[in-house]
């Protein structure tokens, strides 16, 4: 892990287009500003981890749904038994 010391209003660059700026220091809390392209997702770690858990749950549910759909296709694919035509008069 790279550890850098920064003062208020100082920043670090990540690659060419992501800047992390120290915008406030209050007691044991530091506020950071992040400039990044809209295509770059920026989340607090606890939010990122929750997103990952939800994505995993959704992927598992899709797998369950896909298996259910396959069973349904097999069941629905069977032809019903034909009944005699009683309407010929």
C-alpha atoms as a PDB file:
ATOM      1  CA  UNK A   1       0.000   0.000   0.000  1.00  0.00           C
ATOM      2  CA  UNK A   2       1.286   3.428  -0.921  1.00  0.00           C
ATOM      3  CA  UNK A   3       0.915   5.935   1.938  1.00  0.00           C
ATOM      4  CA  UNK A   4       1.112   9.662   1.163  1.00  0.00           C
ATOM      5  CA  UNK A   5       0.962  12.639   3.518  1.00  0.00           C
ATOM      6  CA  UNK A   6      -1.106  15.611   2.313  1.00  0.00           C
ATOM      7  CA  UNK A   7      -2.144  18.890   3.903  1.00  0.00           C
ATOM      8  CA  UNK A   8      -5.425  20.758   3.535  1.00  0.00           C
ATOM      9  CA  UNK A   9      -6.126  21.655  -0.127  1.00  0.00           C
ATOM     10  CA  UNK A  10      -3.353  19.393  -1.397  1.00  0.00           C
ATOM     11  CA  UNK A  11      -4.122  16.551  -3.748  1.00  0.00           C
ATOM     12  CA  UNK A  12      -2.866  13.372  -5.326  1.00  0.00           C
ATOM     13  CA  UNK A  13      -3.376  12.168  -8.882  1.00  0.00           C
ATOM     14  CA  UNK A  14      -4.403   8.652  -9.846  1.00  0.00           C
ATOM     15  CA  UNK A  15      -3.572   8.106 -13.476  1.00  0.00           C
ATOM     16  CA  UNK A  16      -4.147  11.067 -15.764  1.00  0.00           C
ATOM     17  CA  UNK A  17      -7.706  11.960 -14.871  1.00  0.00           C
ATOM     18  CA  UNK A  18      -8.495  11.190 -11.217  1.00  0.00           C
ATOM     19  CA  UNK A  19      -7.635  13.747  -8.545  1.00  0.00           C
ATOM     20  CA  UNK A  20      -8.183  13.256  -4.809  1.00  0.00           C
ATOM     21  CA  UNK A  21      -8.128  16.512  -2.806  1.00  0.00           C
ATOM     22  CA  UNK A  22      -8.041  17.017   0.974  1.00  0.00           C
ATOM     23  CA  UNK A  23     -10.889  19.518   1.449  1.00  0.00           C
ATOM     24  CA  UNK A  24     -11.220  19.466   5.255  1.00  0.00           C
ATOM     25  CA  UNK A  25      -9.628  18.008   8.366  1.00  0.00           C
ATOM     26  CA  UNK A  26     -11.719  18.002  11.553  1.00  0.00           C
ATOM     27  CA  UNK A  27     -10.426  16.015  14.508  1.00  0.00           C
ATOM     28  CA  UNK A  28      -9.964  12.425  13.363  1.00  0.00           C
ATOM     29  CA  UNK A  29     -12.073  12.910  10.224  1.00  0.00           C
ATOM     30  CA  UNK A  30     -10.735  13.866   6.801  1.00  0.00           C
ATOM     31  CA  UNK A  31     -13.016  15.011   3.973  1.00  0.00           C
ATOM     32  CA  UNK A  32     -11.840  14.212   0.484  1.00  0.00           C
ATOM     33  CA  UNK A  33     -12.957  15.632  -2.820  1.00  0.00           C
ATOM     34  CA  UNK A  34     -12.649  13.419  -5.869  1.00  0.00           C
ATOM     35  CA  UNK A  35     -12.508  14.615  -9.455  1.00  0.00           C
ATOM     36  CA  UNK A  36     -12.983  11.743 -11.862  1.00  0.00           C
ATOM     37  CA  UNK A  37     -14.673  11.087 -15.188  1.00  0.00           C
ATOM     38  CA  UNK A  38     -18.346  10.115 -14.913  1.00  0.00           C
ATOM     39  CA  UNK A  39     -17.410   6.708 -16.287  1.00  0.00           C
ATOM     40  CA  UNK A  40     -15.418   5.981 -13.101  1.00  0.00           C
ATOM     41  CA  UNK A  41     -17.522   4.705 -10.202  1.00  0.00           C
ATOM     42  CA  UNK A  42     -16.522   6.237  -6.852  1.00  0.00           C
ATOM     43  CA  UNK A  43     -18.003   4.776  -3.653  1.00  0.00           C
ATOM     44  CA  UNK A  44     -17.198   4.585   0.034  1.00  0.00           C
ATOM     45  CA  UNK A  45     -15.836   1.101   0.718  1.00  0.00           C
ATOM     46  CA  UNK A  46     -18.859  -0.038   2.755  1.00  0.00           C
ATOM     47  CA  UNK A  47     -21.186   1.012  -0.088  1.00  0.00           C
ATOM     48  CA  UNK A  48     -18.984  -0.724  -2.670  1.00  0.00           C
ATOM     49  CA  UNK A  49     -19.057  -3.947  -0.632  1.00  0.00           C
ATOM     50  CA  UNK A  50     -22.867  -3.777  -0.351  1.00  0.00           C
ATOM     51  CA  UNK A  51     -23.140  -3.286  -4.134  1.00  0.00           C
ATOM     52  CA  UNK A  52     -20.926  -6.348  -4.641  1.00  0.00           C
ATOM     53  CA  UNK A  53     -23.106  -8.450  -2.301  1.00  0.00           C
ATOM     54  CA  UNK A  54     -26.288  -7.330  -4.088  1.00  0.00           C
ATOM     55  CA  UNK A  55     -24.758  -8.075  -7.497  1.00  0.00           C
ATOM     56  CA  UNK A  56     -23.813 -11.563  -6.316  1.00  0.00           C
ATOM     57  CA  UNK A  57     -27.342 -12.174  -4.992  1.00  0.00           C
ATOM     58  CA  UNK A  58     -28.841 -10.944  -8.263  1.00  0.00           C
ATOM     59  CA  UNK A  59     -26.537 -13.198 -10.293  1.00  0.00           C
ATOM     60  CA  UNK A  60     -27.509 -16.196  -8.181  1.00  0.00           C
ATOM     61  CA  UNK A  61     -31.201 -15.346  -8.556  1.00  0.00           C
ATOM     62  CA  UNK A  62     -30.775 -15.107 -12.338  1.00  0.00           C
ATOM     63  CA  UNK A  63     -29.160 -18.544 -12.269  1.00  0.00           C
ATOM     64  CA  UNK A  64     -32.107 -19.909 -10.289  1.00  0.00           C
ATOM     65  CA  UNK A  65     -34.542 -18.229 -12.686  1.00  0.00           C
ATOM     66  CA  UNK A  66     -32.688 -19.629 -15.692  1.00  0.00           C
ATOM     67  CA  UNK A  67     -32.863 -23.141 -14.233  1.00  0.00           C
ATOM     68  CA  UNK A  68     -36.578 -22.667 -13.544  1.00  0.00           C
ATOM     69  CA  UNK A  69     -37.152 -21.405 -17.070  1.00  0.00           C
ATOM     70  CA  UNK A  70     -35.376 -24.454 -18.485  1.00  0.00           C
ATOM     71  CA  UNK A  71     -37.582 -26.792 -16.452  1.00  0.00           C
ATOM     72  CA  UNK A  72     -40.656 -24.876 -17.601  1.00  0.00           C
ATOM     73  CA  UNK A  73     -39.558 -25.104 -21.244  1.00  0.00           C
ATOM     74  CA  UNK A  74     -39.111 -28.860 -20.939  1.00  0.00           C
ATOM     75  CA  UNK A  75     -42.498 -29.227 -19.269  1.00  0.00           C
ATOM     76  CA  UNK A  76     -44.317 -26.911 -21.678  1.00  0.00           C
ATOM     77  CA  UNK A  77     -42.579 -28.468 -24.670  1.00  0.00           C
ATOM     78  CA  UNK A  78     -44.408 -31.766 -24.156  1.00  0.00           C
ATOM     79  CA  UNK A  79     -47.435 -32.152 -26.399  1.00  0.00           C
ATOM     80  CA  UNK A  80     -50.715 -32.625 -24.569  1.00  0.00           C
ATOM     81  CA  UNK A  81     -52.526 -35.883 -25.204  1.00  0.00           C
ATOM     82  CA  UNK A  82     -54.919 -35.486 -28.116  1.00  0.00           C
ATOM     83  CA  UNK A  83     -58.618 -35.858 -27.432  1.00  0.00           C
ATOM     84  CA  UNK A  84     -60.952 -37.415 -29.979  1.00  0.00           C
ATOM     85  CA  UNK A  85     -62.667 -34.924 -32.250  1.00  0.00           C
ATOM     86  CA  UNK A  86     -66.333 -35.042 -31.214  1.00  0.00           C
ATOM     87  CA  UNK A  87     -67.446 -32.040 -33.231  1.00  0.00           C
ATOM     88  CA  UNK A  88     -67.699 -33.800 -36.604  1.00  0.00           C
ATOM     89  CA  UNK A  89     -71.432 -33.955 -37.358  1.00  0.00           C
END
